[in-house]
Amino acid sequence: MPKHEFFVDMTCEGCLNAVTRVLNKLGGVQFEVDLPNKKVSIDSNHSVDTLLDTLKKTGKNTSYLGEK
């Protein structure tokens, strides 16, 4: 399964919870959130576009950093 890394402009625990909530709703993903560095690493067979659109549902500034 490819591992993708995203930048998500998270500043607090609430932001982390929003990311966790949208990714859990998507399903079929394993992820790690690095709050201090504002990064989310996702193991998933979903397309990068799907993952990016899902993360954008948090309302946070989000961008794709590449495969890890």
PDB file of N, CA and C in Angstrom:
ATOM      1  N   MET A   1       0.850  -1.182   0.000  1.00  0.00           N
ATOM      2  CA  MET A   1       0.000   0.000   0.000  1.00  0.00           C
ATOM      3  C   MET A   1       0.896   1.246   0.000  1.00  0.00           C
ATOM      4  N   PRO A   2       0.657   2.175  -0.908  1.00  0.00           N
ATOM      5  CA  PRO A   2       1.500   3.376  -0.929  1.00  0.00           C
ATOM      6  C   PRO A   2       1.246   4.262   0.286  1.00  0.00           C
ATOM      7  N   LYS A   3       2.302   4.942   0.729  1.00  0.00           N
ATOM      8  CA  LYS A   3       2.185   5.861   1.856  1.00  0.00           C
ATOM      9  C   LYS A   3       2.341   7.279   1.308  1.00  0.00           C
ATOM     10  N   HIS A   4       1.332   8.097   1.526  1.00  0.00           N
ATOM     11  CA  HIS A   4       1.326   9.463   1.019  1.00  0.00           C
ATOM     12  C   HIS A   4       1.431  10.438   2.182  1.00  0.00           C
ATOM     13  N   GLU A   5       2.143  11.540   1.944  1.00  0.00           N
ATOM     14  CA  GLU A   5       2.303  12.551   2.980  1.00  0.00           C
ATOM     15  C   GLU A   5       1.650  13.858   2.542  1.00  0.00           C
ATOM     16  N   PHE A   6       0.901  14.443   3.466  1.00  0.00           N
ATOM     17  CA  PHE A   6       0.179  15.683   3.198  1.00  0.00           C
ATOM     18  C   PHE A   6       0.527  16.725   4.246  1.00  0.00           C
ATOM     19  N   PHE A   7       0.531  17.989   3.832  1.00  0.00           N
ATOM     20  CA  PHE A   7       0.612  19.112   4.759  1.00  0.00           C
ATOM     21  C   PHE A   7      -0.828  19.506   5.083  1.00  0.00           C
ATOM     22  N   VAL A   8      -1.127  19.628   6.372  1.00  0.00           N
ATOM     23  CA  VAL A   8      -2.446  20.114   6.802  1.00  0.00           C
ATOM     24  C   VAL A   8      -2.187  21.178   7.869  1.00  0.00           C
ATOM     25  N   ASP A   9      -2.716  22.370   7.668  1.00  0.00           N
ATOM     26  CA  ASP A   9      -2.441  23.492   8.571  1.00  0.00           C
ATOM     27  C   ASP A   9      -3.196  23.332   9.895  1.00  0.00           C
ATOM     28  N   MET A  10      -2.698  22.411  10.727  1.00  0.00           N
ATOM     29  CA  MET A  10      -3.319  22.108  12.021  1.00  0.00           C
ATOM     30  C   MET A  10      -2.609  22.897  13.120  1.00  0.00           C
ATOM     31  N   THR A  11      -3.385  23.436  14.040  1.00  0.00           N
ATOM     32  CA  THR A  11      -2.784  24.213  15.118  1.00  0.00           C
ATOM     33  C   THR A  11      -3.112  23.678  16.509  1.00  0.00           C
ATOM     34  N   CYS A  12      -4.077  22.761  16.592  1.00  0.00           N
ATOM     35  CA  CYS A  12      -4.504  22.318  17.922  1.00  0.00           C
ATOM     36  C   CYS A  12      -5.086  20.912  17.876  1.00  0.00           C
ATOM     37  N   GLU A  13      -5.466  20.425  19.039  1.00  0.00           N
ATOM     38  CA  GLU A  13      -6.066  19.096  19.170  1.00  0.00           C
ATOM     39  C   GLU A  13      -7.376  18.991  18.397  1.00  0.00           C
ATOM     40  N   GLY A  14      -8.131  20.093  18.333  1.00  0.00           N
ATOM     41  CA  GLY A  14      -9.378  20.107  17.587  1.00  0.00           C
ATOM     42  C   GLY A  14      -9.140  19.862  16.102  1.00  0.00           C
ATOM     43  N   CYS A  15      -8.055  20.444  15.576  1.00  0.00           N
ATOM     44  CA  CYS A  15      -7.688  20.232  14.167  1.00  0.00           C
ATOM     45  C   CYS A  15      -7.353  18.757  13.943  1.00  0.00           C
ATOM     46  N   LEU A  16      -6.594  18.199  14.857  1.00  0.00           N
ATOM     47  CA  LEU A  16      -6.213  16.788  14.775  1.00  0.00           C
ATOM     48  C   LEU A  16      -7.467  15.905  14.789  1.00  0.00           C
ATOM     49  N   ASN A  17      -8.420  16.253  15.643  1.00  0.00           N
ATOM     50  CA  ASN A  17      -9.667  15.477  15.716  1.00  0.00           C
ATOM     51  C   ASN A  17     -10.464  15.572  14.422  1.00  0.00           C
ATOM     52  N   ALA A  18     -10.451  16.742  13.777  1.00  0.00           N
ATOM     53  CA  ALA A  18     -11.162  16.919  12.507  1.00  0.00           C
ATOM     54  C   ALA A  18     -10.541  16.033  11.430  1.00  0.00           C
ATOM     55  N   VAL A  19      -9.216  16.002  11.374  1.00  0.00           N
ATOM     56  CA  VAL A  19      -8.509  15.155  10.403  1.00  0.00           C
ATOM     57  C   VAL A  19      -8.843  13.682  10.657  1.00  0.00           C
ATOM     58  N   THR A  20      -8.785  13.268  11.915  1.00  0.00           N
ATOM     59  CA  THR A  20      -9.088  11.891  12.283  1.00  0.00           C
ATOM     60  C   THR A  20     -10.513  11.523  11.881  1.00  0.00           C
ATOM     61  N   ARG A  21     -11.454  12.423  12.126  1.00  0.00           N
ATOM     62  CA  ARG A  21     -12.866  12.164  11.831  1.00  0.00           C
ATOM     63  C   ARG A  21     -13.092  11.961  10.326  1.00  0.00           C
ATOM     64  N   VAL A  22     -12.557  12.853   9.478  1.00  0.00           N
ATOM     65  CA  VAL A  22     -12.814  12.725   8.034  1.00  0.00           C
ATOM     66  C   VAL A  22     -12.123  11.491   7.449  1.00  0.00           C
ATOM     67  N   LEU A  23     -10.928  11.165   7.945  1.00  0.00           N
ATOM     68  CA  LEU A  23     -10.224   9.988   7.424  1.00  0.00           C
ATOM     69  C   LEU A  23     -10.907   8.693   7.863  1.00  0.00           C
ATOM     70  N   ASN A  24     -11.420   8.654   9.094  1.00  0.00           N
ATOM     71  CA  ASN A  24     -12.133   7.461   9.552  1.00  0.00           C
ATOM     72  C   ASN A  24     -13.429   7.257   8.767  1.00  0.00           C
ATOM     73  N   LYS A  25     -14.091   8.356   8.374  1.00  0.00           N
ATOM     74  CA  LYS A  25     -15.311   8.253   7.568  1.00  0.00           C
ATOM     75  C   LYS A  25     -15.002   7.686   6.184  1.00  0.00           C
ATOM     76  N   LEU A  26     -13.842   8.043   5.637  1.00  0.00           N
ATOM     77  CA  LEU A  26     -13.445   7.566   4.307  1.00  0.00           C
ATOM     78  C   LEU A  26     -13.260   6.053   4.327  1.00  0.00           C
ATOM     79  N   GLY A  27     -12.634   5.542   5.380  1.00  0.00           N
ATOM     80  CA  GLY A  27     -12.425   4.100   5.518  1.00  0.00           C
ATOM     81  C   GLY A  27     -11.301   3.585   4.641  1.00  0.00           C
ATOM     82  N   GLY A  28     -10.759   2.441   5.002  1.00  0.00           N
ATOM     83  CA  GLY A  28      -9.705   1.812   4.223  1.00  0.00           C
ATOM     84  C   GLY A  28      -8.382   2.548   4.281  1.00  0.00           C
ATOM     85  N   VAL A  29      -8.180   3.311   5.346  1.00  0.00           N
ATOM     86  CA  VAL A  29      -6.934   4.064   5.480  1.00  0.00           C
ATOM     87  C   VAL A  29      -6.297   3.812   6.841  1.00  0.00           C
ATOM     88  N   GLN A  30      -4.973   3.834   6.856  1.00  0.00           N
ATOM     89  CA  GLN A  30      -4.211   3.859   8.101  1.00  0.00           C
ATOM     90  C   GLN A  30      -3.421   5.154   8.030  1.00  0.00           C
ATOM     91  N   PHE A  31      -3.381   5.888   9.130  1.00  0.00           N
ATOM     92  CA  PHE A  31      -2.718   7.190   9.067  1.00  0.00           C
ATOM     93  C   PHE A  31      -2.052   7.557  10.390  1.00  0.00           C
ATOM     94  N   GLU A  32      -1.089   8.449  10.269  1.00  0.00           N
ATOM     95  CA  GLU A  32      -0.405   9.020  11.424  1.00  0.00           C
ATOM     96  C   GLU A  32      -0.464  10.529  11.277  1.00  0.00           C
ATOM     97  N   VAL A  33      -0.760  11.218  12.384  1.00  0.00           N
ATOM     98  CA  VAL A  33      -0.821  12.676  12.361  1.00  0.00           C
ATOM     99  C   VAL A  33       0.349  13.221  13.167  1.00  0.00           C
ATOM    100  N   ASP A  34       1.128  14.100  12.552  1.00  0.00           N
ATOM    101  CA  ASP A  34       2.262  14.765  13.204  1.00  0.00           C
ATOM    102  C   ASP A  34       1.856  16.227  13.389  1.00  0.00           C
ATOM    103  N   LEU A  35       1.208  16.501  14.525  1.00  0.00           N
ATOM    104  CA  LEU A  35       0.660  17.838  14.779  1.00  0.00           C
ATOM    105  C   LEU A  35       1.738  18.927  14.798  1.00  0.00           C
ATOM    106  N   PRO A  36       2.876  18.747  15.503  1.00  0.00           N
ATOM    107  CA  PRO A  36       3.881  19.826  15.533  1.00  0.00           C
ATOM    108  C   PRO A  36       4.408  20.205  14.145  1.00  0.00           C
ATOM    109  N   ASN A  37       4.550  19.225  13.254  1.00  0.00           N
ATOM    110  CA  ASN A  37       5.073  19.494  11.913  1.00  0.00           C
ATOM    111  C   ASN A  37       3.974  19.659  10.860  1.00  0.00           C
ATOM    112  N   LYS A  38       2.704  19.576  11.318  1.00  0.00           N
ATOM    113  CA  LYS A  38       1.547  19.776  10.441  1.00  0.00           C
ATOM    114  C   LYS A  38       1.557  18.814   9.257  1.00  0.00           C
ATOM    115  N   LYS A  39       1.863  17.552   9.525  1.00  0.00           N
ATOM    116  CA  LYS A  39       1.899  16.547   8.472  1.00  0.00           C
ATOM    117  C   LYS A  39       0.986  15.372   8.809  1.00  0.00           C
ATOM    118  N   VAL A  40       0.410  14.803   7.751  1.00  0.00           N
ATOM    119  CA  VAL A  40      -0.417  13.605   7.890  1.00  0.00           C
ATOM    120  C   VAL A  40       0.115  12.582   6.896  1.00  0.00           C
ATOM    121  N   SER A  41       0.515  11.398   7.403  1.00  0.00           N
ATOM    122  CA  SER A  41       0.974  10.304   6.543  1.00  0.00           C
ATOM    123  C   SER A  41      -0.153   9.287   6.458  1.00  0.00           C
ATOM    124  N   ILE A  42      -0.513   8.907   5.227  1.00  0.00           N
ATOM    125  CA  ILE A  42      -1.662   8.027   5.017  1.00  0.00           C
ATOM    126  C   ILE A  42      -1.261   6.819   4.175  1.00  0.00           C
ATOM    127  N   ASP A  43      -1.551   5.615   4.691  1.00  0.00           N
ATOM    128  CA  ASP A  43      -1.420   4.370   3.923  1.00  0.00           C
ATOM    129  C   ASP A  43      -2.802   4.068   3.357  1.00  0.00           C
ATOM    130  N   SER A  44      -2.908   4.059   2.032  1.00  0.00           N
ATOM    131  CA  SER A  44      -4.226   3.842   1.439  1.00  0.00           C
ATOM    132  C   SER A  44      -4.117   3.501  -0.037  1.00  0.00           C
ATOM    133  N   ASN A  45      -5.105   2.748  -0.524  1.00  0.00           N
ATOM    134  CA  ASN A  45      -5.210   2.480  -1.951  1.00  0.00           C
ATOM    135  C   ASN A  45      -6.109   3.502  -2.651  1.00  0.00           C
ATOM    136  N   HIS A  46      -6.637   4.470  -1.879  1.00  0.00           N
ATOM    137  CA  HIS A  46      -7.424   5.552  -2.472  1.00  0.00           C
ATOM    138  C   HIS A  46      -6.490   6.438  -3.297  1.00  0.00           C
ATOM    139  N   SER A  47      -7.036   7.130  -4.291  1.00  0.00           N
ATOM    140  CA  SER A  47      -6.226   8.040  -5.104  1.00  0.00           C
ATOM    141  C   SER A  47      -5.801   9.248  -4.270  1.00  0.00           C
ATOM    142  N   VAL A  48      -4.710   9.881  -4.693  1.00  0.00           N
ATOM    143  CA  VAL A  48      -4.228  11.087  -4.017  1.00  0.00           C
ATOM    144  C   VAL A  48      -5.317  12.157  -4.034  1.00  0.00           C
ATOM    145  N   ASP A  49      -6.021  12.293  -5.156  1.00  0.00           N
ATOM    146  CA  ASP A  49      -7.098  13.293  -5.260  1.00  0.00           C
ATOM    147  C   ASP A  49      -8.196  13.042  -4.229  1.00  0.00           C
ATOM    148  N   THR A  50      -8.556  11.778  -4.045  1.00  0.00           N
ATOM    149  CA  THR A  50      -9.589  11.423  -3.060  1.00  0.00           C
ATOM    150  C   THR A  50      -9.124  11.782  -1.653  1.00  0.00           C
ATOM    151  N   LEU A  51      -7.873  11.444  -1.337  1.00  0.00           N
ATOM    152  CA  LEU A  51      -7.333  11.744  -0.012  1.00  0.00           C
ATOM    153  C   LEU A  51      -7.264  13.249   0.217  1.00  0.00           C
ATOM    154  N   LEU A  52      -6.818  13.988  -0.801  1.00  0.00           N
ATOM    155  CA  LEU A  52      -6.702  15.448  -0.691  1.00  0.00           C
ATOM    156  C   LEU A  52      -8.080  16.080  -0.509  1.00  0.00           C
ATOM    157  N   ASP A  53      -9.062  15.638  -1.300  1.00  0.00           N
ATOM    158  CA  ASP A  53     -10.424  16.165  -1.166  1.00  0.00           C
ATOM    159  C   ASP A  53     -10.992  15.873   0.221  1.00  0.00           C
ATOM    160  N   THR A  54     -10.692  14.683   0.742  1.00  0.00           N
ATOM    161  CA  THR A  54     -11.170  14.309   2.072  1.00  0.00           C
ATOM    162  C   THR A  54     -10.555  15.202   3.137  1.00  0.00           C
ATOM    163  N   LEU A  55      -9.245  15.425   3.058  1.00  0.00           N
ATOM    164  CA  LEU A  55      -8.577  16.284   4.047  1.00  0.00           C
ATOM    165  C   LEU A  55      -9.068  17.729   3.952  1.00  0.00           C
ATOM    166  N   LYS A  56      -9.408  18.173   2.757  1.00  0.00           N
ATOM    167  CA  LYS A  56      -9.894  19.552   2.593  1.00  0.00           C
ATOM    168  C   LYS A  56     -11.249  19.759   3.259  1.00  0.00           C
ATOM    169  N   LYS A  57     -11.976  18.678   3.534  1.00  0.00           N
ATOM    170  CA  LYS A  57     -13.264  18.786   4.227  1.00  0.00           C
ATOM    171  C   LYS A  57     -13.095  19.323   5.644  1.00  0.00           C
ATOM    172  N   THR A  58     -11.868  19.302   6.167  1.00  0.00           N
ATOM    173  CA  THR A  58     -11.617  19.848   7.500  1.00  0.00           C
ATOM    174  C   THR A  58     -11.641  21.375   7.479  1.00  0.00           C
ATOM    175  N   GLY A  59     -11.559  21.975   6.283  1.00  0.00           N
ATOM    176  CA  GLY A  59     -11.521  23.429   6.176  1.00  0.00           C
ATOM    177  C   GLY A  59     -10.123  24.001   6.363  1.00  0.00           C
ATOM    178  N   LYS A  60      -9.149  23.118   6.497  1.00  0.00           N
ATOM    179  CA  LYS A  60      -7.751  23.537   6.691  1.00  0.00           C
ATOM    180  C   LYS A  60      -7.030  23.625   5.351  1.00  0.00           C
ATOM    181  N   ASN A  61      -6.027  24.482   5.298  1.00  0.00           N
ATOM    182  CA  ASN A  61      -5.164  24.563   4.129  1.00  0.00           C
ATOM    183  C   ASN A  61      -4.420  23.242   4.017  1.00  0.00           C
ATOM    184  N   THR A  62      -4.530  22.579   2.871  1.00  0.00           N
ATOM    185  CA  THR A  62      -3.999  21.232   2.699  1.00  0.00           C
ATOM    186  C   THR A  62      -3.259  21.123   1.372  1.00  0.00           C
ATOM    187  N   SER A  63      -2.120  20.409   1.373  1.00  0.00           N
ATOM    188  CA  SER A  63      -1.421  20.165   0.118  1.00  0.00           C
ATOM    189  C   SER A  63      -0.722  18.811   0.162  1.00  0.00           C
ATOM    190  N   TYR A  64      -0.497  18.258  -1.022  1.00  0.00           N
ATOM    191  CA  TYR A  64       0.155  16.948  -1.146  1.00  0.00           C
ATOM    192  C   TYR A  64       1.660  17.140  -1.188  1.00  0.00           C
ATOM    193  N   LEU A  65       2.378  16.419  -0.317  1.00  0.00           N
ATOM    194  CA  LEU A  65       3.835  16.551  -0.253  1.00  0.00           C
ATOM    195  C   LEU A  65       4.551  15.474  -1.060  1.00  0.00           C
ATOM    196  N   GLY A  66       3.880  14.346  -1.308  1.00  0.00           N
ATOM    197  CA  GLY A  66       4.494  13.282  -2.097  1.00  0.00           C
ATOM    198  C   GLY A  66       4.436  11.933  -1.398  1.00  0.00           C
ATOM    199  N   GLU A  67       4.959  10.917  -2.083  1.00  0.00           N
ATOM    200  CA  GLU A  67       5.022   9.588  -1.479  1.00  0.00           C
ATOM    201  C   GLU A  67       6.155   9.543  -0.491  1.00  0.00           C
ATOM    202  N   LYS A  68       5.945   8.796   0.573  1.00  0.00           N
ATOM    203  CA  LYS A  68       6.956   8.701   1.621  1.00  0.00           C
ATOM    204  C   LYS A  68       7.692   7.403   1.493  1.00  0.00           C
TER     205      LYS A  68
END
